[in-house]
Amino acid sequence: FADLAESLQANWQLHFSDTVPRMAIWVSKQDHCLLDLLWRQQAGDLPVEIPLILSNHDTLQAIAEQFHIDFYHLPITPDSKVRQEKQQLALLKQYKIDLVVLAKYMQILSPQFVAAFSSTINIHHSFLPAFPGANPYQRAYKRGVKIIGATAHYVTQDLDEGPIIEQEVIRVSHRDSSAEFIRKGKDVERSVLARAVRLHLQNRVLVYNNRTVVFD
């Protein structure tokens, strides 16, 4: 491999299928993506260990206890962000985490954190590049869109602009309320995030120039 890679000026990695990665899930207050990942992992659908759940709220601590997973509550404020991110990085090292999944973690990671730990997947509740940032369902509802979706992507220093791993859309209509947009959107978020995590765990995602090639 080394000789061939050198002739092509290519980088290469070798992964063994019997190696089980370790994943941390970060959440805030919404539980739908967290529960979906935990159920899939427990059912053997996701080949991963989940030793750590981290949150800026204590709302979902009972779920972590139900699944016998260590839970850390690290509140984030403008004054505490730098200190808490250092603690987050220390926990990732302590638990030997290979992948962080932001399962509706409603905080923006600093460029310093992203530079220190790059293997992070986020689920965004819109079909990017449409409606980046906050409240996309409400904005989509006001615009009268006919489809809504979700996007799972790697986290970079640019908000919601990292390499896209997986996306999905569903149709909506004028009969749907804003609450119905959110309900339908959560269903899409669950499936999109699970597929993206599975693809990453199976080493089927190649990133090049802020784009991905997915081997499905």
C-alpha atoms as a PDB file:
ATOM      1  CA  PHE A   1       0.000   0.000   0.000  1.00  0.00           C
ATOM      2  CA  ALA A   2       2.729   2.458   0.925  1.00  0.00           C
ATOM      3  CA  ASP A   3       4.522   2.181  -2.425  1.00  0.00           C
ATOM      4  CA  LEU A   4       1.298   2.571  -4.405  1.00  0.00           C
ATOM      5  CA  ALA A   5       0.147   5.501  -2.278  1.00  0.00           C
ATOM      6  CA  GLU A   6       3.489   7.234  -2.712  1.00  0.00           C
ATOM      7  CA  SER A   7       3.327   6.856  -6.491  1.00  0.00           C
ATOM      8  CA  LEU A   8      -0.157   8.412  -6.483  1.00  0.00           C
ATOM      9  CA  GLN A   9       0.698  11.035  -3.847  1.00  0.00           C
ATOM     10  CA  ALA A  10      -2.224   9.625  -1.848  1.00  0.00           C
ATOM     11  CA  ASN A  11      -2.994   9.214   1.831  1.00  0.00           C
ATOM     12  CA  TRP A  12      -4.321   5.859   2.991  1.00  0.00           C
ATOM     13  CA  GLN A  13      -5.676   4.203   6.121  1.00  0.00           C
ATOM     14  CA  LEU A  14      -6.268   0.575   7.029  1.00  0.00           C
ATOM     15  CA  HIS A  15      -9.226  -0.331   9.259  1.00  0.00           C
ATOM     16  CA  PHE A  16     -10.024  -3.760  10.691  1.00  0.00           C
ATOM     17  CA  SER A  17     -13.669  -4.827  10.771  1.00  0.00           C
ATOM     18  CA  ASP A  18     -13.356  -6.452  14.191  1.00  0.00           C
ATOM     19  CA  THR A  19     -12.331  -3.167  15.852  1.00  0.00           C
ATOM     20  CA  VAL A  20     -15.300  -1.609  17.674  1.00  0.00           C
ATOM     21  CA  PRO A  21     -15.145   2.221  17.824  1.00  0.00           C
ATOM     22  CA  ARG A  22     -16.180   4.224  20.887  1.00  0.00           C
ATOM     23  CA  MET A  23     -18.766   6.954  20.422  1.00  0.00           C
ATOM     24  CA  ALA A  24     -19.939   9.804  22.647  1.00  0.00           C
ATOM     25  CA  ILE A  25     -23.375  11.342  22.166  1.00  0.00           C
ATOM     26  CA  TRP A  26     -23.926  15.007  22.966  1.00  0.00           C
ATOM     27  CA  VAL A  27     -27.452  16.290  23.572  1.00  0.00           C
ATOM     28  CA  SER A  28     -29.383  19.240  24.947  1.00  0.00           C
ATOM     29  CA  LYS A  29     -33.101  18.757  25.716  1.00  0.00           C
ATOM     30  CA  GLN A  30     -34.564  16.850  22.741  1.00  0.00           C
ATOM     31  CA  ASP A  31     -34.436  13.075  23.082  1.00  0.00           C
ATOM     32  CA  HIS A  32     -35.617  11.653  19.739  1.00  0.00           C
ATOM     33  CA  CYS A  33     -32.202  11.257  18.092  1.00  0.00           C
ATOM     34  CA  LEU A  34     -30.538  10.096  21.320  1.00  0.00           C
ATOM     35  CA  LEU A  35     -33.110   7.360  21.944  1.00  0.00           C
ATOM     36  CA  ASP A  36     -32.996   6.205  18.337  1.00  0.00           C
ATOM     37  CA  LEU A  37     -29.204   5.791  18.409  1.00  0.00           C
ATOM     38  CA  LEU A  38     -29.290   3.983  21.748  1.00  0.00           C
ATOM     39  CA  TRP A  39     -32.009   1.576  20.610  1.00  0.00           C
ATOM     40  CA  ARG A  40     -30.161   0.833  17.376  1.00  0.00           C
ATOM     41  CA  GLN A  41     -26.907   0.231  19.224  1.00  0.00           C
ATOM     42  CA  GLN A  42     -28.625  -2.029  21.736  1.00  0.00           C
ATOM     43  CA  ALA A  43     -30.251  -3.995  18.890  1.00  0.00           C
ATOM     44  CA  GLY A  44     -26.861  -4.526  17.235  1.00  0.00           C
ATOM     45  CA  ASP A  45     -27.639  -2.238  14.314  1.00  0.00           C
ATOM     46  CA  LEU A  46     -24.741   0.128  15.076  1.00  0.00           C
ATOM     47  CA  PRO A  47     -21.331  -1.545  15.613  1.00  0.00           C
ATOM     48  CA  VAL A  48     -20.140   0.814  18.328  1.00  0.00           C
ATOM     49  CA  GLU A  49     -19.636   1.227  22.071  1.00  0.00           C
ATOM     50  CA  ILE A  50     -21.363   4.202  23.714  1.00  0.00           C
ATOM     51  CA  PRO A  51     -19.722   4.841  27.098  1.00  0.00           C
ATOM     52  CA  LEU A  52     -20.498   8.561  27.387  1.00  0.00           C
ATOM     53  CA  ILE A  53     -23.401  10.998  27.033  1.00  0.00           C
ATOM     54  CA  LEU A  54     -22.678  14.681  27.531  1.00  0.00           C
ATOM     55  CA  SER A  55     -25.147  17.565  27.771  1.00  0.00           C
ATOM     56  CA  ASN A  56     -25.393  21.242  28.555  1.00  0.00           C
ATOM     57  CA  HIS A  57     -28.647  20.404  30.428  1.00  0.00           C
ATOM     58  CA  ASP A  58     -29.562  17.638  32.861  1.00  0.00           C
ATOM     59  CA  THR A  59     -32.924  16.966  31.167  1.00  0.00           C
ATOM     60  CA  LEU A  60     -31.923  13.640  29.606  1.00  0.00           C
ATOM     61  CA  GLN A  61     -29.845  12.226  32.441  1.00  0.00           C
ATOM     62  CA  ALA A  62     -32.520   9.621  33.254  1.00  0.00           C
ATOM     63  CA  ILE A  63     -32.160   8.152  29.760  1.00  0.00           C
ATOM     64  CA  ALA A  64     -28.420   7.712  30.252  1.00  0.00           C
ATOM     65  CA  GLU A  65     -29.068   5.987  33.573  1.00  0.00           C
ATOM     66  CA  GLN A  66     -31.672   3.733  31.945  1.00  0.00           C
ATOM     67  CA  PHE A  67     -29.056   2.543  29.446  1.00  0.00           C
ATOM     68  CA  HIS A  68     -26.275   2.420  32.094  1.00  0.00           C
ATOM     69  CA  ILE A  69     -24.176   5.053  30.325  1.00  0.00           C
ATOM     70  CA  ASP A  70     -22.079   7.680  32.114  1.00  0.00           C
ATOM     71  CA  PHE A  71     -23.668  11.143  31.897  1.00  0.00           C
ATOM     72  CA  TYR A  72     -21.935  14.488  32.335  1.00  0.00           C
ATOM     73  CA  HIS A  73     -23.796  17.774  32.732  1.00  0.00           C
ATOM     74  CA  LEU A  74     -21.602  20.654  31.581  1.00  0.00           C
ATOM     75  CA  PRO A  75     -23.610  23.905  31.375  1.00  0.00           C
ATOM     76  CA  ILE A  76     -22.404  26.320  28.708  1.00  0.00           C
ATOM     77  CA  THR A  77     -22.435  30.097  29.135  1.00  0.00           C
ATOM     78  CA  PRO A  78     -20.353  32.739  27.378  1.00  0.00           C
ATOM     79  CA  ASP A  79     -18.160  32.903  30.480  1.00  0.00           C
ATOM     80  CA  SER A  80     -17.779  29.129  30.906  1.00  0.00           C
ATOM     81  CA  LYS A  81     -17.502  27.976  27.279  1.00  0.00           C
ATOM     82  CA  VAL A  82     -13.696  27.841  27.091  1.00  0.00           C
ATOM     83  CA  ARG A  83     -13.405  26.067  30.436  1.00  0.00           C
ATOM     84  CA  GLN A  84     -16.167  23.576  29.613  1.00  0.00           C
ATOM     85  CA  GLU A  85     -14.712  22.744  26.211  1.00  0.00           C
ATOM     86  CA  LYS A  86     -11.423  21.886  27.906  1.00  0.00           C
ATOM     87  CA  GLN A  87     -13.377  19.553  30.189  1.00  0.00           C
ATOM     88  CA  GLN A  88     -15.163  18.057  27.174  1.00  0.00           C
ATOM     89  CA  LEU A  89     -11.854  17.322  25.472  1.00  0.00           C
ATOM     90  CA  ALA A  90     -10.510  15.793  28.673  1.00  0.00           C
ATOM     91  CA  LEU A  91     -13.539  13.474  28.859  1.00  0.00           C
ATOM     92  CA  LEU A  92     -13.101  12.425  25.235  1.00  0.00           C
ATOM     93  CA  LYS A  93      -9.511  11.487  26.027  1.00  0.00           C
ATOM     94  CA  GLN A  94     -10.454   9.765  29.296  1.00  0.00           C
ATOM     95  CA  TYR A  95     -13.114   7.620  27.598  1.00  0.00           C
ATOM     96  CA  LYS A  96     -10.973   7.023  24.497  1.00  0.00           C
ATOM     97  CA  ILE A  97     -13.686   8.369  22.210  1.00  0.00           C
ATOM     98  CA  ASP A  98     -13.290   7.923  18.451  1.00  0.00           C
ATOM     99  CA  LEU A  99     -16.453   9.733  17.328  1.00  0.00           C
ATOM    100  CA  VAL A 100     -18.726  12.435  18.740  1.00  0.00           C
ATOM    101  CA  VAL A 101     -22.329  12.617  17.536  1.00  0.00           C
ATOM    102  CA  LEU A 102     -24.229  15.849  18.137  1.00  0.00           C
ATOM    103  CA  ALA A 103     -27.741  14.432  18.543  1.00  0.00           C
ATOM    104  CA  LYS A 104     -29.541  17.778  18.782  1.00  0.00           C
ATOM    105  CA  TYR A 105     -26.776  19.399  20.834  1.00  0.00           C
ATOM    106  CA  MET A 106     -27.810  23.031  20.562  1.00  0.00           C
ATOM    107  CA  GLN A 107     -24.416  24.645  21.025  1.00  0.00           C
ATOM    108  CA  ILE A 108     -21.881  25.850  18.482  1.00  0.00           C
ATOM    109  CA  LEU A 109     -18.466  24.261  18.902  1.00  0.00           C
ATOM    110  CA  SER A 110     -15.569  26.692  18.910  1.00  0.00           C
ATOM    111  CA  PRO A 111     -12.913  26.596  16.173  1.00  0.00           C
ATOM    112  CA  GLN A 112     -10.425  25.590  18.856  1.00  0.00           C
ATOM    113  CA  PHE A 113     -12.496  22.546  19.804  1.00  0.00           C
ATOM    114  CA  VAL A 114     -13.019  21.505  16.183  1.00  0.00           C
ATOM    115  CA  ALA A 115      -9.285  21.773  15.550  1.00  0.00           C
ATOM    116  CA  ALA A 116      -8.565  19.589  18.579  1.00  0.00           C
ATOM    117  CA  PHE A 117     -11.197  16.914  17.801  1.00  0.00           C
ATOM    118  CA  SER A 118     -12.344  16.624  14.199  1.00  0.00           C
ATOM    119  CA  SER A 119     -14.374  13.382  14.184  1.00  0.00           C
ATOM    120  CA  THR A 120     -17.768  14.911  14.921  1.00  0.00           C
ATOM    121  CA  ILE A 121     -21.101  14.354  13.160  1.00  0.00           C
ATOM    122  CA  ASN A 122     -24.017  16.784  13.475  1.00  0.00           C
ATOM    123  CA  ILE A 123     -27.664  16.432  12.486  1.00  0.00           C
ATOM    124  CA  HIS A 124     -29.165  19.619  11.086  1.00  0.00           C
ATOM    125  CA  HIS A 125     -32.912  19.925  10.819  1.00  0.00           C
ATOM    126  CA  SER A 126     -33.114  21.128   7.239  1.00  0.00           C
ATOM    127  CA  PHE A 127     -32.022  20.083   3.772  1.00  0.00           C
ATOM    128  CA  LEU A 128     -28.786  22.060   3.624  1.00  0.00           C
ATOM    129  CA  PRO A 129     -27.814  24.482   2.192  1.00  0.00           C
ATOM    130  CA  ALA A 130     -31.403  25.696   2.709  1.00  0.00           C
ATOM    131  CA  PHE A 131     -32.229  27.226   6.104  1.00  0.00           C
ATOM    132  CA  PRO A 132     -28.920  26.937   7.974  1.00  0.00           C
ATOM    133  CA  GLY A 133     -28.799  28.040  11.595  1.00  0.00           C
ATOM    134  CA  ALA A 134     -31.665  28.164  14.074  1.00  0.00           C
ATOM    135  CA  ASN A 135     -35.414  27.531  13.681  1.00  0.00           C
ATOM    136  CA  PRO A 136     -35.385  26.078  10.153  1.00  0.00           C
ATOM    137  CA  TYR A 137     -38.816  24.422  10.454  1.00  0.00           C
ATOM    138  CA  GLN A 138     -40.482  27.683  11.433  1.00  0.00           C
ATOM    139  CA  ARG A 139     -38.709  29.494   8.611  1.00  0.00           C
ATOM    140  CA  ALA A 140     -39.628  26.762   6.133  1.00  0.00           C
ATOM    141  CA  TYR A 141     -43.262  26.927   7.268  1.00  0.00           C
ATOM    142  CA  LYS A 142     -43.375  30.693   6.749  1.00  0.00           C
ATOM    143  CA  ARG A 143     -41.896  30.295   3.267  1.00  0.00           C
ATOM    144  CA  GLY A 144     -44.524  27.714   2.332  1.00  0.00           C
ATOM    145  CA  VAL A 145     -42.010  25.081   1.219  1.00  0.00           C
ATOM    146  CA  LYS A 146     -43.256  21.804  -0.261  1.00  0.00           C
ATOM    147  CA  ILE A 147     -40.459  19.603   1.080  1.00  0.00           C
ATOM    148  CA  ILE A 148     -38.544  19.540   4.338  1.00  0.00           C
ATOM    149  CA  GLY A 149     -35.559  17.438   5.222  1.00  0.00           C
ATOM    150  CA  ALA A 150     -32.553  16.757   7.386  1.00  0.00           C
ATOM    151  CA  THR A 151     -28.810  16.712   6.796  1.00  0.00           C
ATOM    152  CA  ALA A 152     -26.081  14.832   8.648  1.00  0.00           C
ATOM    153  CA  HIS A 153     -22.627  16.311   8.147  1.00  0.00           C
ATOM    154  CA  TYR A 154     -19.171  16.440   9.642  1.00  0.00           C
ATOM    155  CA  VAL A 155     -18.569  19.455  11.851  1.00  0.00           C
ATOM    156  CA  THR A 156     -16.104  22.065  10.654  1.00  0.00           C
ATOM    157  CA  GLN A 157     -15.267  25.571  11.800  1.00  0.00           C
ATOM    158  CA  ASP A 158     -17.938  26.926   9.413  1.00  0.00           C
ATOM    159  CA  LEU A 159     -21.434  26.571  10.893  1.00  0.00           C
ATOM    160  CA  ASP A 160     -23.551  23.923   9.098  1.00  0.00           C
ATOM    161  CA  GLU A 161     -21.147  23.855   6.139  1.00  0.00           C
ATOM    162  CA  GLY A 162     -19.191  20.668   6.823  1.00  0.00           C
ATOM    163  CA  PRO A 163     -18.967  17.739   4.380  1.00  0.00           C
ATOM    164  CA  ILE A 164     -22.423  16.205   3.932  1.00  0.00           C
ATOM    165  CA  ILE A 165     -22.748  12.493   4.715  1.00  0.00           C
ATOM    166  CA  GLU A 166     -26.481  11.839   4.326  1.00  0.00           C
ATOM    167  CA  GLN A 167     -29.691  13.712   3.496  1.00  0.00           C
ATOM    168  CA  GLU A 168     -33.381  12.978   3.091  1.00  0.00           C
ATOM    169  CA  VAL A 169     -36.526  14.959   2.286  1.00  0.00           C
ATOM    170  CA  ILE A 170     -40.261  14.392   2.693  1.00  0.00           C
ATOM    171  CA  ARG A 171     -43.209  16.250   1.217  1.00  0.00           C
ATOM    172  CA  VAL A 172     -45.344  18.672   3.219  1.00  0.00           C
ATOM    173  CA  SER A 173     -48.351  20.750   2.246  1.00  0.00           C
ATOM    174  CA  HIS A 174     -50.308  23.852   3.174  1.00  0.00           C
ATOM    175  CA  ARG A 175     -52.469  21.649   5.412  1.00  0.00           C
ATOM    176  CA  ASP A 176     -49.526  20.970   7.742  1.00  0.00           C
ATOM    177  CA  SER A 177     -49.112  23.202  10.769  1.00  0.00           C
ATOM    178  CA  SER A 178     -45.770  24.365  12.089  1.00  0.00           C
ATOM    179  CA  ALA A 179     -46.027  21.660  14.771  1.00  0.00           C
ATOM    180  CA  GLU A 180     -46.646  19.057  12.066  1.00  0.00           C
ATOM    181  CA  PHE A 181     -43.516  20.250  10.241  1.00  0.00           C
ATOM    182  CA  ILE A 182     -41.532  19.624  13.415  1.00  0.00           C
ATOM    183  CA  ARG A 183     -43.072  16.181  14.013  1.00  0.00           C
ATOM    184  CA  LYS A 184     -42.363  15.037  10.466  1.00  0.00           C
ATOM    185  CA  GLY A 185     -38.910  16.576  10.601  1.00  0.00           C
ATOM    186  CA  LYS A 186     -37.970  14.632  13.720  1.00  0.00           C
ATOM    187  CA  ASP A 187     -38.778  11.365  11.944  1.00  0.00           C
ATOM    188  CA  VAL A 188     -36.415  12.316   9.128  1.00  0.00           C
ATOM    189  CA  GLU A 189     -33.697  13.458  11.530  1.00  0.00           C
ATOM    190  CA  ARG A 190     -33.671  10.078  13.265  1.00  0.00           C
ATOM    191  CA  SER A 191     -33.224   8.044  10.097  1.00  0.00           C
ATOM    192  CA  VAL A 192     -30.709  10.393   8.470  1.00  0.00           C
ATOM    193  CA  LEU A 193     -28.482  10.569  11.549  1.00  0.00           C
ATOM    194  CA  ALA A 194     -28.557   6.799  12.056  1.00  0.00           C
ATOM    195  CA  ARG A 195     -27.569   6.147   8.441  1.00  0.00           C
ATOM    196  CA  ALA A 196     -24.757   8.703   8.606  1.00  0.00           C
ATOM    197  CA  VAL A 197     -23.370   7.226  11.819  1.00  0.00           C
ATOM    198  CA  ARG A 198     -23.529   3.710  10.384  1.00  0.00           C
ATOM    199  CA  LEU A 199     -21.717   4.775   7.212  1.00  0.00           C
ATOM    200  CA  HIS A 200     -18.990   6.434   9.273  1.00  0.00           C
ATOM    201  CA  LEU A 201     -18.602   3.431  11.569  1.00  0.00           C
ATOM    202  CA  GLN A 202     -18.266   1.166   8.535  1.00  0.00           C
ATOM    203  CA  ASN A 203     -15.573   3.478   7.087  1.00  0.00           C
ATOM    204  CA  ARG A 204     -17.630   4.093   3.957  1.00  0.00           C
ATOM    205  CA  VAL A 205     -17.174   7.877   3.888  1.00  0.00           C
ATOM    206  CA  LEU A 206     -14.243   9.546   2.133  1.00  0.00           C
ATOM    207  CA  VAL A 207     -13.804  13.301   2.616  1.00  0.00           C
ATOM    208  CA  TYR A 208     -12.060  15.376  -0.030  1.00  0.00           C
ATOM    209  CA  ASN A 209     -12.191  19.163  -0.509  1.00  0.00           C
ATOM    210  CA  ASN A 210     -15.131  19.558   1.908  1.00  0.00           C
ATOM    211  CA  ARG A 211     -17.154  16.986  -0.029  1.00  0.00           C
ATOM    212  CA  THR A 212     -17.783  13.326   0.641  1.00  0.00           C
ATOM    213  CA  VAL A 213     -17.704  10.182  -1.437  1.00  0.00           C
ATOM    214  CA  VAL A 214     -19.985   7.602   0.182  1.00  0.00           C
ATOM    215  CA  PHE A 215     -19.419   3.952  -0.666  1.00  0.00           C
ATOM    216  CA  ASP A 216     -22.822   2.356  -0.169  1.00  0.00           C
END
